[in-house]
């Protein structure tokens, strides 16, 4: 026996001795982590909209559009208050309509990289990741919206402002599909890196679960809330696009 009298000594363990270990419980249950991630996703989505509104307003002011600041629609969603009347060059329209998503893309990547590089506390890492996921996943969704009537979004509005509402739309849709295919994998990989400390990631099904909990469901919740708060046009495409994002993120997570 061992000195404590509770375990057999090493010499008493025969070659056929089976040692069993009780698996560790996950620090947080999946439902609890999912609920917290959705809350962080709503905050991250709001920050993405705020960055986009500021970038759109700044780009519009530089391009000659009257900018009256930021207003909230209907009560708390930030939007750039720009006067879009008048005749402007194609480059000016592109700058105004695309500055928001592109600026959010850069800021989301920078915030996430900074939080990971500095080893921020877990809560800040999750929030930074939600900003990253929302800013990157919205871009292909907005590109895909260009192919659907009245779906809204900056790419659809750009074609309408240029007087060619149908020209080039399907090319943007194809690019949006390819972008979603690639971005979903990156978002899934980063979700595993962030959530691996709370949930199991030692199998593909476990990693897919983490990606859906940290990326897909929070993004879908943010899109749904923004849709019902009239941040977008008709609700059919944003909600269908959110379902598409959930499916692609699940499938593409390695």
C-alpha atoms as a PDB file:
ATOM      1  CA  UNK A   1       0.000   0.000   0.000  1.00  0.00           C
ATOM      2  CA  UNK A   2       1.021   3.606  -0.381  1.00  0.00           C
ATOM      3  CA  UNK A   3       2.035   5.522   2.744  1.00  0.00           C
ATOM      4  CA  UNK A   4      -1.473   6.940   3.002  1.00  0.00           C
ATOM      5  CA  UNK A   5      -2.935   3.437   3.003  1.00  0.00           C
ATOM      6  CA  UNK A   6      -5.515   4.322   0.343  1.00  0.00           C
ATOM      7  CA  UNK A   7      -3.780   3.374  -2.900  1.00  0.00           C
ATOM      8  CA  UNK A   8      -1.726   0.361  -3.964  1.00  0.00           C
ATOM      9  CA  UNK A   9       1.977   1.004  -4.257  1.00  0.00           C
ATOM     10  CA  UNK A  10       3.638   1.016  -7.664  1.00  0.00           C
ATOM     11  CA  UNK A  11       5.026  -2.506  -7.163  1.00  0.00           C
ATOM     12  CA  UNK A  12       1.524  -3.780  -6.354  1.00  0.00           C
ATOM     13  CA  UNK A  13       0.130  -2.667  -9.692  1.00  0.00           C
ATOM     14  CA  UNK A  14       0.322  -5.602 -12.050  1.00  0.00           C
ATOM     15  CA  UNK A  15       0.715  -5.304 -15.797  1.00  0.00           C
ATOM     16  CA  UNK A  16      -3.002  -5.776 -16.279  1.00  0.00           C
ATOM     17  CA  UNK A  17      -4.083  -3.101 -13.849  1.00  0.00           C
ATOM     18  CA  UNK A  18      -6.614  -0.701 -15.393  1.00  0.00           C
ATOM     19  CA  UNK A  19      -6.465   2.901 -14.233  1.00  0.00           C
ATOM     20  CA  UNK A  20      -9.687   4.841 -14.790  1.00  0.00           C
ATOM     21  CA  UNK A  21      -9.946   8.607 -14.662  1.00  0.00           C
ATOM     22  CA  UNK A  22     -13.136  10.589 -14.292  1.00  0.00           C
ATOM     23  CA  UNK A  23     -13.327  13.131 -17.150  1.00  0.00           C
ATOM     24  CA  UNK A  24     -13.234  16.746 -16.109  1.00  0.00           C
ATOM     25  CA  UNK A  25     -16.455  18.703 -16.215  1.00  0.00           C
ATOM     26  CA  UNK A  26     -16.537  21.668 -18.513  1.00  0.00           C
ATOM     27  CA  UNK A  27     -16.090  24.948 -16.596  1.00  0.00           C
ATOM     28  CA  UNK A  28     -19.279  26.370 -18.113  1.00  0.00           C
ATOM     29  CA  UNK A  29     -22.280  24.526 -19.465  1.00  0.00           C
ATOM     30  CA  UNK A  30     -22.991  24.974 -23.151  1.00  0.00           C
ATOM     31  CA  UNK A  31     -26.398  26.684 -22.630  1.00  0.00           C
ATOM     32  CA  UNK A  32     -24.923  29.183 -20.175  1.00  0.00           C
ATOM     33  CA  UNK A  33     -21.977  29.944 -22.428  1.00  0.00           C
ATOM     34  CA  UNK A  34     -24.339  30.296 -25.391  1.00  0.00           C
ATOM     35  CA  UNK A  35     -26.531  32.769 -23.518  1.00  0.00           C
ATOM     36  CA  UNK A  36     -23.522  34.839 -22.460  1.00  0.00           C
ATOM     37  CA  UNK A  37     -22.179  34.739 -26.020  1.00  0.00           C
ATOM     38  CA  UNK A  38     -25.496  36.000 -27.390  1.00  0.00           C
ATOM     39  CA  UNK A  39     -25.412  38.931 -24.970  1.00  0.00           C
ATOM     40  CA  UNK A  40     -21.842  39.691 -26.037  1.00  0.00           C
ATOM     41  CA  UNK A  41     -22.923  39.283 -29.662  1.00  0.00           C
ATOM     42  CA  UNK A  42     -25.641  41.889 -29.267  1.00  0.00           C
ATOM     43  CA  UNK A  43     -23.120  44.326 -27.783  1.00  0.00           C
ATOM     44  CA  UNK A  44     -20.610  43.463 -30.497  1.00  0.00           C
ATOM     45  CA  UNK A  45     -23.204  43.938 -33.215  1.00  0.00           C
ATOM     46  CA  UNK A  46     -24.113  47.351 -31.826  1.00  0.00           C
ATOM     47  CA  UNK A  47     -20.442  48.352 -31.809  1.00  0.00           C
ATOM     48  CA  UNK A  48     -20.075  47.184 -35.414  1.00  0.00           C
ATOM     49  CA  UNK A  49     -23.055  49.307 -36.443  1.00  0.00           C
ATOM     50  CA  UNK A  50     -21.575  52.262 -34.556  1.00  0.00           C
ATOM     51  CA  UNK A  51     -18.191  51.938 -36.263  1.00  0.00           C
ATOM     52  CA  UNK A  52     -19.901  51.612 -39.621  1.00  0.00           C
ATOM     53  CA  UNK A  53     -22.038  54.691 -39.004  1.00  0.00           C
ATOM     54  CA  UNK A  54     -19.029  56.797 -38.022  1.00  0.00           C
ATOM     55  CA  UNK A  55     -17.051  55.610 -41.037  1.00  0.00           C
ATOM     56  CA  UNK A  56     -19.946  56.244 -43.403  1.00  0.00           C
ATOM     57  CA  UNK A  57     -20.511  59.712 -42.000  1.00  0.00           C
ATOM     58  CA  UNK A  58     -16.825  60.606 -42.229  1.00  0.00           C
ATOM     59  CA  UNK A  59     -16.538  59.271 -45.766  1.00  0.00           C
ATOM     60  CA  UNK A  60     -19.686  61.134 -46.775  1.00  0.00           C
ATOM     61  CA  UNK A  61     -18.402  64.394 -45.345  1.00  0.00           C
ATOM     62  CA  UNK A  62     -15.127  63.997 -47.243  1.00  0.00           C
ATOM     63  CA  UNK A  63     -17.022  63.162 -50.443  1.00  0.00           C
ATOM     64  CA  UNK A  64     -19.205  66.266 -50.211  1.00  0.00           C
ATOM     65  CA  UNK A  65     -22.365  64.840 -48.632  1.00  0.00           C
ATOM     66  CA  UNK A  66     -23.906  66.916 -45.843  1.00  0.00           C
ATOM     67  CA  UNK A  67     -23.437  65.007 -42.588  1.00  0.00           C
ATOM     68  CA  UNK A  68     -25.621  65.863 -39.609  1.00  0.00           C
ATOM     69  CA  UNK A  69     -24.054  63.471 -37.114  1.00  0.00           C
ATOM     70  CA  UNK A  70     -25.234  60.124 -35.750  1.00  0.00           C
ATOM     71  CA  UNK A  71     -28.841  59.376 -35.019  1.00  0.00           C
ATOM     72  CA  UNK A  72     -30.448  56.302 -33.506  1.00  0.00           C
ATOM     73  CA  UNK A  73     -33.173  54.309 -35.264  1.00  0.00           C
ATOM     74  CA  UNK A  74     -35.705  53.812 -33.879  1.00  0.00           C
ATOM     75  CA  UNK A  75     -34.229  54.355 -30.438  1.00  0.00           C
ATOM     76  CA  UNK A  76     -30.770  52.808 -30.090  1.00  0.00           C
ATOM     77  CA  UNK A  77     -29.400  51.602 -33.460  1.00  0.00           C
ATOM     78  CA  UNK A  78     -26.690  54.032 -34.680  1.00  0.00           C
ATOM     79  CA  UNK A  79     -27.001  55.315 -38.238  1.00  0.00           C
ATOM     80  CA  UNK A  80     -25.180  58.064 -40.099  1.00  0.00           C
ATOM     81  CA  UNK A  81     -27.488  61.024 -40.758  1.00  0.00           C
ATOM     82  CA  UNK A  82     -26.368  61.861 -44.312  1.00  0.00           C
ATOM     83  CA  UNK A  83     -28.186  63.828 -46.980  1.00  0.00           C
ATOM     84  CA  UNK A  84     -27.926  61.623 -50.066  1.00  0.00           C
ATOM     85  CA  UNK A  85     -29.650  64.010 -52.461  1.00  0.00           C
ATOM     86  CA  UNK A  86     -27.922  65.517 -55.438  1.00  0.00           C
ATOM     87  CA  UNK A  87     -25.625  64.267 -58.174  1.00  0.00           C
ATOM     88  CA  UNK A  88     -22.326  62.705 -57.184  1.00  0.00           C
ATOM     89  CA  UNK A  89     -19.613  60.728 -58.914  1.00  0.00           C
ATOM     90  CA  UNK A  90     -19.523  56.940 -58.813  1.00  0.00           C
ATOM     91  CA  UNK A  91     -16.459  56.996 -56.570  1.00  0.00           C
ATOM     92  CA  UNK A  92     -18.258  59.213 -54.053  1.00  0.00           C
ATOM     93  CA  UNK A  93     -21.222  56.843 -53.895  1.00  0.00           C
ATOM     94  CA  UNK A  94     -18.917  53.861 -53.473  1.00  0.00           C
ATOM     95  CA  UNK A  95     -17.014  55.582 -50.675  1.00  0.00           C
ATOM     96  CA  UNK A  96     -20.165  56.501 -48.778  1.00  0.00           C
ATOM     97  CA  UNK A  97     -21.983  53.191 -49.142  1.00  0.00           C
ATOM     98  CA  UNK A  98     -19.041  50.829 -48.636  1.00  0.00           C
ATOM     99  CA  UNK A  99     -17.006  52.730 -46.041  1.00  0.00           C
ATOM    100  CA  UNK A 100     -19.069  51.407 -43.119  1.00  0.00           C
ATOM    101  CA  UNK A 101     -18.688  47.642 -43.735  1.00  0.00           C
ATOM    102  CA  UNK A 102     -15.024  47.987 -44.745  1.00  0.00           C
ATOM    103  CA  UNK A 103     -14.141  50.071 -41.676  1.00  0.00           C
ATOM    104  CA  UNK A 104     -15.943  47.608 -39.401  1.00  0.00           C
ATOM    105  CA  UNK A 105     -14.009  44.781 -41.074  1.00  0.00           C
ATOM    106  CA  UNK A 106     -10.673  46.399 -40.229  1.00  0.00           C
ATOM    107  CA  UNK A 107     -11.668  47.410 -36.700  1.00  0.00           C
ATOM    108  CA  UNK A 108     -13.082  43.968 -35.929  1.00  0.00           C
ATOM    109  CA  UNK A 109      -9.887  42.250 -37.000  1.00  0.00           C
ATOM    110  CA  UNK A 110      -7.704  44.710 -35.083  1.00  0.00           C
ATOM    111  CA  UNK A 111      -9.716  44.442 -31.856  1.00  0.00           C
ATOM    112  CA  UNK A 112      -9.706  40.658 -31.910  1.00  0.00           C
ATOM    113  CA  UNK A 113      -5.998  40.438 -32.748  1.00  0.00           C
ATOM    114  CA  UNK A 114      -5.164  42.916 -29.989  1.00  0.00           C
ATOM    115  CA  UNK A 115      -7.200  41.054 -27.361  1.00  0.00           C
ATOM    116  CA  UNK A 116      -5.606  37.738 -28.286  1.00  0.00           C
ATOM    117  CA  UNK A 117      -2.107  39.153 -28.554  1.00  0.00           C
ATOM    118  CA  UNK A 118      -2.231  40.885 -25.174  1.00  0.00           C
ATOM    119  CA  UNK A 119      -3.876  37.960 -23.404  1.00  0.00           C
ATOM    120  CA  UNK A 120      -6.903  39.985 -22.324  1.00  0.00           C
ATOM    121  CA  UNK A 121      -9.274  38.638 -19.639  1.00  0.00           C
ATOM    122  CA  UNK A 122     -11.701  36.004 -20.951  1.00  0.00           C
ATOM    123  CA  UNK A 123     -14.714  38.337 -20.954  1.00  0.00           C
ATOM    124  CA  UNK A 124     -12.891  40.924 -23.065  1.00  0.00           C
ATOM    125  CA  UNK A 125     -11.599  38.216 -25.395  1.00  0.00           C
ATOM    126  CA  UNK A 126     -15.142  36.999 -26.008  1.00  0.00           C
ATOM    127  CA  UNK A 127     -16.441  40.531 -26.592  1.00  0.00           C
ATOM    128  CA  UNK A 128     -13.571  41.302 -28.977  1.00  0.00           C
ATOM    129  CA  UNK A 129     -14.252  38.061 -30.800  1.00  0.00           C
ATOM    130  CA  UNK A 130     -17.950  38.910 -31.179  1.00  0.00           C
ATOM    131  CA  UNK A 131     -17.010  42.255 -32.738  1.00  0.00           C
ATOM    132  CA  UNK A 132     -14.686  40.390 -35.102  1.00  0.00           C
ATOM    133  CA  UNK A 133     -17.278  37.755 -36.013  1.00  0.00           C
ATOM    134  CA  UNK A 134     -20.086  40.255 -36.589  1.00  0.00           C
ATOM    135  CA  UNK A 135     -17.953  42.611 -38.686  1.00  0.00           C
ATOM    136  CA  UNK A 136     -16.656  39.819 -40.895  1.00  0.00           C
ATOM    137  CA  UNK A 137     -19.826  37.764 -41.289  1.00  0.00           C
ATOM    138  CA  UNK A 138     -21.922  40.780 -42.255  1.00  0.00           C
ATOM    139  CA  UNK A 139     -19.848  41.501 -45.377  1.00  0.00           C
ATOM    140  CA  UNK A 140     -20.787  38.376 -47.399  1.00  0.00           C
ATOM    141  CA  UNK A 141     -24.365  38.697 -46.176  1.00  0.00           C
ATOM    142  CA  UNK A 142     -24.545  42.246 -47.542  1.00  0.00           C
ATOM    143  CA  UNK A 143     -22.986  41.108 -50.826  1.00  0.00           C
ATOM    144  CA  UNK A 144     -25.490  38.269 -51.203  1.00  0.00           C
ATOM    145  CA  UNK A 145     -28.322  40.733 -50.560  1.00  0.00           C
ATOM    146  CA  UNK A 146     -27.479  42.482 -53.840  1.00  0.00           C
ATOM    147  CA  UNK A 147     -29.110  39.634 -55.755  1.00  0.00           C
ATOM    148  CA  UNK A 148     -32.504  39.840 -54.072  1.00  0.00           C
ATOM    149  CA  UNK A 149     -35.147  42.496 -54.771  1.00  0.00           C
ATOM    150  CA  UNK A 150     -35.683  44.963 -51.933  1.00  0.00           C
ATOM    151  CA  UNK A 151     -33.165  43.159 -49.716  1.00  0.00           C
ATOM    152  CA  UNK A 152     -31.323  46.408 -49.052  1.00  0.00           C
ATOM    153  CA  UNK A 153     -27.711  46.789 -48.070  1.00  0.00           C
ATOM    154  CA  UNK A 154     -24.880  48.988 -49.376  1.00  0.00           C
ATOM    155  CA  UNK A 155     -24.048  46.891 -52.445  1.00  0.00           C
ATOM    156  CA  UNK A 156     -27.647  46.868 -53.639  1.00  0.00           C
ATOM    157  CA  UNK A 157     -27.948  50.601 -52.960  1.00  0.00           C
ATOM    158  CA  UNK A 158     -24.752  51.279 -54.895  1.00  0.00           C
ATOM    159  CA  UNK A 159     -26.111  49.692 -58.059  1.00  0.00           C
ATOM    160  CA  UNK A 160     -29.364  51.598 -57.701  1.00  0.00           C
ATOM    161  CA  UNK A 161     -27.536  54.913 -57.227  1.00  0.00           C
ATOM    162  CA  UNK A 162     -25.418  54.255 -60.306  1.00  0.00           C
ATOM    163  CA  UNK A 163     -28.521  53.779 -62.423  1.00  0.00           C
ATOM    164  CA  UNK A 164     -27.822  50.120 -63.232  1.00  0.00           C
ATOM    165  CA  UNK A 165     -29.954  48.181 -60.770  1.00  0.00           C
ATOM    166  CA  UNK A 166     -29.302  44.784 -62.430  1.00  0.00           C
ATOM    167  CA  UNK A 167     -25.853  45.132 -63.946  1.00  0.00           C
ATOM    168  CA  UNK A 168     -23.211  43.135 -62.109  1.00  0.00           C
ATOM    169  CA  UNK A 169     -25.464  41.964 -59.318  1.00  0.00           C
ATOM    170  CA  UNK A 170     -24.899  38.266 -59.866  1.00  0.00           C
ATOM    171  CA  UNK A 171     -21.146  38.754 -59.933  1.00  0.00           C
ATOM    172  CA  UNK A 172     -21.411  40.313 -56.469  1.00  0.00           C
ATOM    173  CA  UNK A 173     -23.614  37.425 -55.323  1.00  0.00           C
ATOM    174  CA  UNK A 174     -21.004  34.889 -56.465  1.00  0.00           C
ATOM    175  CA  UNK A 175     -18.253  36.834 -54.711  1.00  0.00           C
ATOM    176  CA  UNK A 176     -20.413  37.010 -51.614  1.00  0.00           C
ATOM    177  CA  UNK A 177     -20.867  33.245 -51.617  1.00  0.00           C
ATOM    178  CA  UNK A 178     -17.128  32.693 -51.962  1.00  0.00           C
ATOM    179  CA  UNK A 179     -16.458  35.230 -49.222  1.00  0.00           C
ATOM    180  CA  UNK A 180     -18.902  33.504 -46.879  1.00  0.00           C
ATOM    181  CA  UNK A 181     -17.286  30.139 -47.593  1.00  0.00           C
ATOM    182  CA  UNK A 182     -13.844  31.448 -46.633  1.00  0.00           C
ATOM    183  CA  UNK A 183     -14.836  33.759 -43.782  1.00  0.00           C
ATOM    184  CA  UNK A 184     -16.946  31.077 -42.102  1.00  0.00           C
ATOM    185  CA  UNK A 185     -13.864  28.875 -41.771  1.00  0.00           C
ATOM    186  CA  UNK A 186     -11.753  31.669 -40.274  1.00  0.00           C
ATOM    187  CA  UNK A 187     -14.526  32.623 -37.860  1.00  0.00           C
ATOM    188  CA  UNK A 188     -14.970  28.990 -36.842  1.00  0.00           C
ATOM    189  CA  UNK A 189     -11.253  28.484 -36.220  1.00  0.00           C
ATOM    190  CA  UNK A 190     -11.073  31.605 -34.076  1.00  0.00           C
ATOM    191  CA  UNK A 191     -14.165  30.535 -32.129  1.00  0.00           C
ATOM    192  CA  UNK A 192     -12.418  27.282 -31.241  1.00  0.00           C
ATOM    193  CA  UNK A 193      -9.321  29.209 -30.145  1.00  0.00           C
ATOM    194  CA  UNK A 194     -11.381  31.504 -27.900  1.00  0.00           C
ATOM    195  CA  UNK A 195     -13.846  28.955 -26.530  1.00  0.00           C
ATOM    196  CA  UNK A 196     -11.454  26.057 -26.095  1.00  0.00           C
ATOM    197  CA  UNK A 197     -10.884  27.045 -22.483  1.00  0.00           C
ATOM    198  CA  UNK A 198     -14.540  26.458 -21.576  1.00  0.00           C
ATOM    199  CA  UNK A 199     -15.772  23.665 -23.822  1.00  0.00           C
ATOM    200  CA  UNK A 200     -14.347  20.498 -25.306  1.00  0.00           C
ATOM    201  CA  UNK A 201     -12.662  20.907 -28.690  1.00  0.00           C
ATOM    202  CA  UNK A 202     -11.060  17.467 -29.061  1.00  0.00           C
ATOM    203  CA  UNK A 203     -13.358  16.400 -31.885  1.00  0.00           C
ATOM    204  CA  UNK A 204     -14.920  18.038 -34.913  1.00  0.00           C
ATOM    205  CA  UNK A 205     -18.439  17.854 -33.530  1.00  0.00           C
ATOM    206  CA  UNK A 206     -17.279  19.572 -30.332  1.00  0.00           C
ATOM    207  CA  UNK A 207     -15.472  22.259 -32.335  1.00  0.00           C
ATOM    208  CA  UNK A 208     -18.547  22.825 -34.470  1.00  0.00           C
ATOM    209  CA  UNK A 209     -20.619  23.235 -31.326  1.00  0.00           C
ATOM    210  CA  UNK A 210     -18.208  25.868 -30.022  1.00  0.00           C
ATOM    211  CA  UNK A 211     -18.296  27.747 -33.341  1.00  0.00           C
ATOM    212  CA  UNK A 212     -22.084  27.755 -33.423  1.00  0.00           C
ATOM    213  CA  UNK A 213     -22.338  28.873 -29.790  1.00  0.00           C
ATOM    214  CA  UNK A 214     -19.759  31.665 -30.035  1.00  0.00           C
ATOM    215  CA  UNK A 215     -20.176  32.840 -33.626  1.00  0.00           C
ATOM    216  CA  UNK A 216     -23.288  31.680 -35.467  1.00  0.00           C
ATOM    217  CA  UNK A 217     -26.005  32.032 -32.832  1.00  0.00           C
ATOM    218  CA  UNK A 218     -24.821  35.442 -31.516  1.00  0.00           C
ATOM    219  CA  UNK A 219     -24.628  36.766 -35.079  1.00  0.00           C
ATOM    220  CA  UNK A 220     -28.084  35.423 -35.897  1.00  0.00           C
ATOM    221  CA  UNK A 221     -29.500  36.992 -32.719  1.00  0.00           C
ATOM    222  CA  UNK A 222     -27.928  40.361 -33.528  1.00  0.00           C
ATOM    223  CA  UNK A 223     -29.312  40.252 -37.085  1.00  0.00           C
ATOM    224  CA  UNK A 224     -32.778  39.333 -35.808  1.00  0.00           C
ATOM    225  CA  UNK A 225     -32.828  42.166 -33.270  1.00  0.00           C
ATOM    226  CA  UNK A 226     -31.553  44.680 -35.813  1.00  0.00           C
ATOM    227  CA  UNK A 227     -34.133  43.472 -38.336  1.00  0.00           C
ATOM    228  CA  UNK A 228     -37.027  43.911 -35.975  1.00  0.00           C
ATOM    229  CA  UNK A 229     -35.658  47.308 -34.976  1.00  0.00           C
ATOM    230  CA  UNK A 230     -35.806  48.328 -38.659  1.00  0.00           C
ATOM    231  CA  UNK A 231     -32.099  48.543 -39.211  1.00  0.00           C
ATOM    232  CA  UNK A 232     -32.581  46.698 -42.500  1.00  0.00           C
ATOM    233  CA  UNK A 233     -35.281  46.591 -45.122  1.00  0.00           C
ATOM    234  CA  UNK A 234     -37.829  43.759 -45.417  1.00  0.00           C
ATOM    235  CA  UNK A 235     -37.081  41.081 -42.802  1.00  0.00           C
ATOM    236  CA  UNK A 236     -37.182  38.014 -45.081  1.00  0.00           C
ATOM    237  CA  UNK A 237     -33.647  38.223 -46.457  1.00  0.00           C
ATOM    238  CA  UNK A 238     -31.791  39.201 -43.246  1.00  0.00           C
ATOM    239  CA  UNK A 239     -33.402  36.354 -41.337  1.00  0.00           C
ATOM    240  CA  UNK A 240     -32.805  33.877 -44.165  1.00  0.00           C
ATOM    241  CA  UNK A 241     -29.228  35.109 -44.402  1.00  0.00           C
ATOM    242  CA  UNK A 242     -28.716  34.572 -40.667  1.00  0.00           C
ATOM    243  CA  UNK A 243     -29.885  30.959 -41.033  1.00  0.00           C
ATOM    244  CA  UNK A 244     -27.478  30.542 -43.948  1.00  0.00           C
ATOM    245  CA  UNK A 245     -24.602  31.867 -41.837  1.00  0.00           C
ATOM    246  CA  UNK A 246     -25.393  29.403 -39.031  1.00  0.00           C
ATOM    247  CA  UNK A 247     -25.350  26.490 -41.476  1.00  0.00           C
ATOM    248  CA  UNK A 248     -22.159  27.530 -43.267  1.00  0.00           C
ATOM    249  CA  UNK A 249     -20.243  28.239 -40.043  1.00  0.00           C
ATOM    250  CA  UNK A 250     -21.215  24.818 -38.704  1.00  0.00           C
ATOM    251  CA  UNK A 251     -20.194  23.072 -41.915  1.00  0.00           C
ATOM    252  CA  UNK A 252     -16.917  24.949 -42.429  1.00  0.00           C
ATOM    253  CA  UNK A 253     -15.512  24.674 -38.900  1.00  0.00           C
ATOM    254  CA  UNK A 254     -12.606  22.224 -39.179  1.00  0.00           C
END
